[in-house]
């Protein structure tokens, strides 16, 4: 289920905070974002646990990729723009785009 306007900033804030702690080419795991949610934030996201919030985290990550702000990697390789959220199975990593 897509995020609502009040939900998206919760995920985005934690994502941006964690990404800001890693210089390129270091990455974060989406589960780091989900594990950072407080009990109140999980409730706002209609999630019982951090695992239940992973769909929301991935959704925001793909939005950030479409905006050109992050790269999503799997097995150490950057996923191409042709790879959609529904195409990915298994663990992924995320990093901010390299500044020119």
N, C-alpha and C. Protein backbone atom coordinates (compact mmCIF):
# COMPACT_ATOMS: atom_id res chain seq x y z
N UNK A 1 0.85 -1.17 0.00
CA UNK A 1 0.00 0.00 0.00
C UNK A 1 0.89 1.24 0.00
N UNK A 2 0.65 2.19 -0.90
CA UNK A 2 1.48 3.40 -0.98
C UNK A 2 1.44 4.21 0.31
N UNK A 3 2.52 4.92 0.55
CA UNK A 3 2.61 5.79 1.72
C UNK A 3 1.69 7.00 1.57
N UNK A 4 1.17 7.43 2.69
CA UNK A 4 0.37 8.65 2.72
C UNK A 4 1.29 9.84 2.95
N UNK A 5 0.77 11.04 2.77
CA UNK A 5 1.58 12.25 2.98
C UNK A 5 2.19 12.33 4.37
N UNK A 6 1.48 11.95 5.44
CA UNK A 6 2.12 12.01 6.77
C UNK A 6 3.15 10.90 6.99
N UNK A 7 3.04 9.79 6.25
CA UNK A 7 3.96 8.67 6.46
C UNK A 7 5.29 8.85 5.76
N UNK A 8 5.27 9.38 4.55
CA UNK A 8 6.48 9.48 3.75
C UNK A 8 7.61 10.24 4.46
N UNK A 9 7.34 11.38 5.11
CA UNK A 9 8.43 12.10 5.79
C UNK A 9 9.12 11.29 6.89
N UNK A 10 8.40 10.38 7.52
CA UNK A 10 9.01 9.54 8.56
C UNK A 10 10.11 8.69 7.95
N UNK A 11 9.79 8.02 6.87
CA UNK A 11 10.76 7.14 6.21
C UNK A 11 11.88 7.98 5.60
N UNK A 12 11.53 9.06 4.97
CA UNK A 12 12.51 9.91 4.32
C UNK A 12 13.52 10.49 5.31
N UNK A 13 13.05 10.92 6.45
CA UNK A 13 13.95 11.52 7.46
C UNK A 13 15.00 10.53 7.93
N UNK A 14 14.58 9.31 8.25
CA UNK A 14 15.55 8.30 8.70
C UNK A 14 16.50 7.90 7.58
N UNK A 15 15.98 7.80 6.37
CA UNK A 15 16.81 7.44 5.23
C UNK A 15 17.87 8.50 5.00
N UNK A 16 17.48 9.74 4.96
CA UNK A 16 18.43 10.83 4.72
C UNK A 16 19.46 10.94 5.85
N UNK A 17 19.00 10.75 7.08
CA UNK A 17 19.93 10.83 8.22
C UNK A 17 21.00 9.75 8.11
N UNK A 18 20.58 8.52 7.82
CA UNK A 18 21.55 7.42 7.74
C UNK A 18 22.48 7.59 6.54
N UNK A 19 21.94 8.01 5.41
CA UNK A 19 22.79 8.23 4.23
C UNK A 19 23.80 9.33 4.49
N UNK A 20 23.43 10.32 5.27
CA UNK A 20 24.35 11.44 5.53
C UNK A 20 25.54 11.02 6.40
N UNK A 21 25.45 9.88 7.04
CA UNK A 21 26.54 9.40 7.88
C UNK A 21 27.56 8.56 7.11
N UNK A 22 27.28 8.31 5.83
CA UNK A 22 28.16 7.47 5.02
C UNK A 22 28.65 8.24 3.80
N UNK A 23 29.95 8.40 3.71
CA UNK A 23 30.53 9.04 2.54
C UNK A 23 30.55 8.04 1.38
N UNK A 24 30.41 8.56 0.17
CA UNK A 24 30.48 7.74 -1.03
C UNK A 24 31.81 7.01 -1.05
N UNK A 25 31.89 5.75 -1.30
CA UNK A 25 30.89 4.82 -1.82
C UNK A 25 30.25 3.91 -0.77
N UNK A 26 30.35 4.30 0.50
CA UNK A 26 29.76 3.49 1.57
C UNK A 26 28.24 3.42 1.40
N UNK A 27 27.66 2.32 1.86
CA UNK A 27 26.23 2.07 1.67
C UNK A 27 25.52 1.85 3.00
N UNK A 28 24.20 1.90 2.93
CA UNK A 28 23.37 1.50 4.07
C UNK A 28 22.49 0.34 3.61
N UNK A 29 22.01 -0.39 4.57
CA UNK A 29 21.05 -1.45 4.32
C UNK A 29 19.66 -0.89 4.62
N UNK A 30 18.68 -1.15 3.78
CA UNK A 30 17.33 -0.66 4.06
C UNK A 30 16.82 -1.07 5.45
N UNK A 31 17.26 -2.20 5.95
CA UNK A 31 16.80 -2.62 7.27
C UNK A 31 17.31 -1.68 8.36
N UNK A 32 18.43 -0.99 8.13
CA UNK A 32 18.91 0.00 9.09
C UNK A 32 17.89 1.11 9.26
N UNK A 33 17.28 1.51 8.16
CA UNK A 33 16.25 2.54 8.20
C UNK A 33 15.06 2.03 9.00
N UNK A 34 14.59 0.84 8.65
CA UNK A 34 13.41 0.28 9.32
C UNK A 34 13.65 0.05 10.80
N UNK A 35 14.84 -0.36 11.16
CA UNK A 35 15.15 -0.61 12.58
C UNK A 35 15.24 0.68 13.38
N UNK A 36 15.41 1.81 12.70
CA UNK A 36 15.53 3.10 13.38
C UNK A 36 14.17 3.68 13.80
N UNK A 37 13.09 3.13 13.28
CA UNK A 37 11.77 3.67 13.62
C UNK A 37 11.43 3.44 15.08
N UNK A 38 10.87 4.45 15.70
CA UNK A 38 10.38 4.32 17.06
C UNK A 38 9.05 3.55 17.04
N UNK A 39 8.58 3.15 18.20
CA UNK A 39 7.29 2.47 18.28
C UNK A 39 6.17 3.35 17.75
N UNK A 40 6.23 4.64 18.05
CA UNK A 40 5.21 5.57 17.56
C UNK A 40 5.26 5.70 16.04
N UNK A 41 6.48 5.73 15.49
CA UNK A 41 6.62 5.82 14.03
C UNK A 41 6.11 4.56 13.35
N UNK A 42 6.43 3.41 13.93
CA UNK A 42 5.91 2.15 13.37
C UNK A 42 4.39 2.16 13.36
N UNK A 43 3.81 2.66 14.42
CA UNK A 43 2.35 2.75 14.49
C UNK A 43 1.82 3.67 13.39
N UNK A 44 2.48 4.81 13.18
CA UNK A 44 2.07 5.73 12.11
C UNK A 44 2.16 5.06 10.73
N UNK A 45 3.11 4.14 10.60
CA UNK A 45 3.30 3.44 9.34
C UNK A 45 2.43 2.18 9.23
N UNK A 46 1.59 1.96 10.24
CA UNK A 46 0.74 0.77 10.28
C UNK A 46 1.57 -0.51 10.22
N UNK A 47 2.69 -0.49 10.92
CA UNK A 47 3.60 -1.63 10.96
C UNK A 47 3.72 -2.12 12.41
N UNK A 48 3.68 -3.41 12.58
CA UNK A 48 3.82 -3.98 13.92
C UNK A 48 5.29 -4.12 14.32
N UNK A 49 6.16 -4.28 13.32
CA UNK A 49 7.58 -4.42 13.59
C UNK A 49 8.36 -3.77 12.45
N UNK A 50 9.68 -3.67 12.62
CA UNK A 50 10.50 -3.07 11.57
C UNK A 50 10.38 -3.85 10.27
N UNK A 51 10.23 -5.16 10.37
CA UNK A 51 10.10 -5.97 9.16
C UNK A 51 8.85 -5.58 8.36
N UNK A 52 7.79 -5.26 9.07
CA UNK A 52 6.54 -4.85 8.41
C UNK A 52 6.71 -3.51 7.69
N UNK A 53 7.70 -2.74 8.07
CA UNK A 53 7.92 -1.41 7.48
C UNK A 53 8.86 -1.46 6.27
N UNK A 54 9.44 -2.61 5.99
CA UNK A 54 10.41 -2.70 4.90
C UNK A 54 9.83 -2.32 3.54
N UNK A 55 8.60 -2.65 3.29
CA UNK A 55 7.97 -2.29 2.01
C UNK A 55 7.97 -0.77 1.83
N UNK A 56 7.67 -0.06 2.92
CA UNK A 56 7.65 1.40 2.86
C UNK A 56 9.05 1.96 2.61
N UNK A 57 10.04 1.36 3.26
CA UNK A 57 11.42 1.83 3.09
C UNK A 57 11.84 1.65 1.63
N UNK A 58 11.59 0.48 1.08
CA UNK A 58 11.97 0.23 -0.31
C UNK A 58 11.24 1.17 -1.26
N UNK A 59 9.99 1.44 -0.97
CA UNK A 59 9.21 2.36 -1.81
C UNK A 59 9.88 3.74 -1.86
N UNK A 60 10.27 4.25 -0.71
CA UNK A 60 10.93 5.56 -0.66
C UNK A 60 12.29 5.51 -1.35
N UNK A 61 13.01 4.42 -1.18
CA UNK A 61 14.32 4.30 -1.84
C UNK A 61 14.19 4.36 -3.35
N UNK A 62 13.18 3.72 -3.88
CA UNK A 62 12.99 3.76 -5.33
C UNK A 62 12.59 5.17 -5.79
N UNK A 63 11.81 5.86 -4.98
CA UNK A 63 11.47 7.25 -5.31
C UNK A 63 12.73 8.11 -5.34
N UNK A 64 13.59 7.92 -4.35
CA UNK A 64 14.84 8.68 -4.30
C UNK A 64 15.74 8.35 -5.49
N UNK A 65 15.74 7.09 -5.90
CA UNK A 65 16.52 6.71 -7.08
C UNK A 65 15.98 7.41 -8.33
N UNK A 66 14.66 7.43 -8.46
CA UNK A 66 14.04 8.09 -9.61
C UNK A 66 14.35 9.58 -9.64
N UNK A 67 14.53 10.17 -8.46
CA UNK A 67 14.87 11.59 -8.35
C UNK A 67 16.38 11.83 -8.55
N UNK A 68 17.13 10.74 -8.73
CA UNK A 68 18.57 10.86 -8.95
C UNK A 68 19.38 11.11 -7.70
N UNK A 69 18.84 10.79 -6.54
CA UNK A 69 19.52 11.08 -5.27
C UNK A 69 20.30 9.91 -4.70
N UNK A 70 19.92 8.68 -5.07
CA UNK A 70 20.61 7.50 -4.55
C UNK A 70 20.85 6.49 -5.66
N UNK A 71 21.75 5.57 -5.36
CA UNK A 71 21.98 4.40 -6.19
C UNK A 71 21.59 3.18 -5.37
N UNK A 72 20.96 2.23 -6.01
CA UNK A 72 20.58 0.99 -5.35
C UNK A 72 21.44 -0.12 -5.93
N UNK A 73 22.05 -0.88 -5.04
CA UNK A 73 22.97 -1.93 -5.46
C UNK A 73 22.47 -3.30 -5.01
N UNK A 74 22.81 -4.29 -5.82
CA UNK A 74 22.57 -5.67 -5.44
C UNK A 74 23.80 -6.46 -5.87
N UNK A 75 24.33 -7.25 -4.95
CA UNK A 75 25.57 -7.99 -5.18
C UNK A 75 26.71 -7.09 -5.65
N UNK A 76 26.73 -5.86 -5.10
CA UNK A 76 27.80 -4.93 -5.40
C UNK A 76 27.67 -4.17 -6.70
N UNK A 77 26.63 -4.43 -7.46
CA UNK A 77 26.42 -3.77 -8.75
C UNK A 77 25.24 -2.80 -8.67
N UNK A 78 25.41 -1.62 -9.26
CA UNK A 78 24.33 -0.64 -9.29
C UNK A 78 23.22 -1.16 -10.22
N UNK A 79 21.99 -1.14 -9.72
CA UNK A 79 20.86 -1.59 -10.53
C UNK A 79 20.54 -0.52 -11.57
N UNK A 80 20.25 -0.96 -12.77
CA UNK A 80 19.90 -0.04 -13.85
C UNK A 80 18.52 0.56 -13.65
N UNK A 81 18.28 1.65 -14.35
CA UNK A 81 16.99 2.32 -14.25
C UNK A 81 15.84 1.44 -14.73
N UNK A 82 16.15 0.41 -15.51
CA UNK A 82 15.12 -0.48 -16.02
C UNK A 82 14.66 -1.50 -14.97
N UNK A 83 15.36 -1.57 -13.84
CA UNK A 83 15.01 -2.51 -12.77
C UNK A 83 14.05 -1.80 -11.82
N UNK A 84 12.83 -2.31 -11.75
CA UNK A 84 11.83 -1.72 -10.88
C UNK A 84 11.80 -2.37 -9.51
N UNK A 85 11.09 -1.76 -8.62
CA UNK A 85 10.97 -2.27 -7.25
C UNK A 85 10.45 -3.70 -7.24
N UNK A 86 9.47 -4.01 -8.07
CA UNK A 86 8.91 -5.35 -8.11
C UNK A 86 9.82 -6.39 -8.73
N UNK A 87 10.89 -5.95 -9.38
CA UNK A 87 11.82 -6.87 -10.04
C UNK A 87 12.88 -7.43 -9.09
N UNK A 88 13.07 -6.79 -7.96
CA UNK A 88 14.19 -7.13 -7.08
C UNK A 88 13.77 -8.12 -6.01
N UNK A 89 14.54 -9.17 -5.93
CA UNK A 89 14.37 -10.16 -4.87
C UNK A 89 15.71 -10.27 -4.14
N UNK A 90 15.66 -10.32 -2.84
CA UNK A 90 16.89 -10.46 -2.07
C UNK A 90 17.40 -9.13 -1.56
N UNK A 91 18.54 -9.19 -0.88
CA UNK A 91 19.09 -8.00 -0.22
C UNK A 91 19.60 -6.96 -1.21
N UNK A 92 19.43 -5.72 -0.83
CA UNK A 92 19.95 -4.59 -1.58
C UNK A 92 20.70 -3.68 -0.62
N UNK A 93 21.50 -2.80 -1.19
CA UNK A 93 22.20 -1.77 -0.44
C UNK A 93 21.93 -0.45 -1.15
N UNK A 94 22.12 0.65 -0.42
CA UNK A 94 21.81 1.97 -0.97
C UNK A 94 22.95 2.93 -0.61
N UNK A 95 23.27 3.81 -1.57
CA UNK A 95 24.25 4.85 -1.27
C UNK A 95 23.82 6.14 -1.98
N UNK A 96 24.28 7.24 -1.41
CA UNK A 96 24.04 8.52 -2.05
C UNK A 96 24.81 8.59 -3.36
N UNK A 97 24.31 9.40 -4.26
CA UNK A 97 25.00 9.57 -5.55
C UNK A 97 26.31 10.32 -5.34
N UNK A 98 27.30 9.97 -6.12
CA UNK A 98 28.60 10.63 -6.04
C UNK A 98 28.44 12.07 -6.52
N UNK A 99 28.94 13.00 -5.71
CA UNK A 99 28.87 14.41 -6.07
C UNK A 99 29.94 14.72 -7.10
N UNK A 100 29.56 15.45 -8.13
CA UNK A 100 30.52 15.79 -9.19
C UNK A 100 31.41 16.93 -8.79
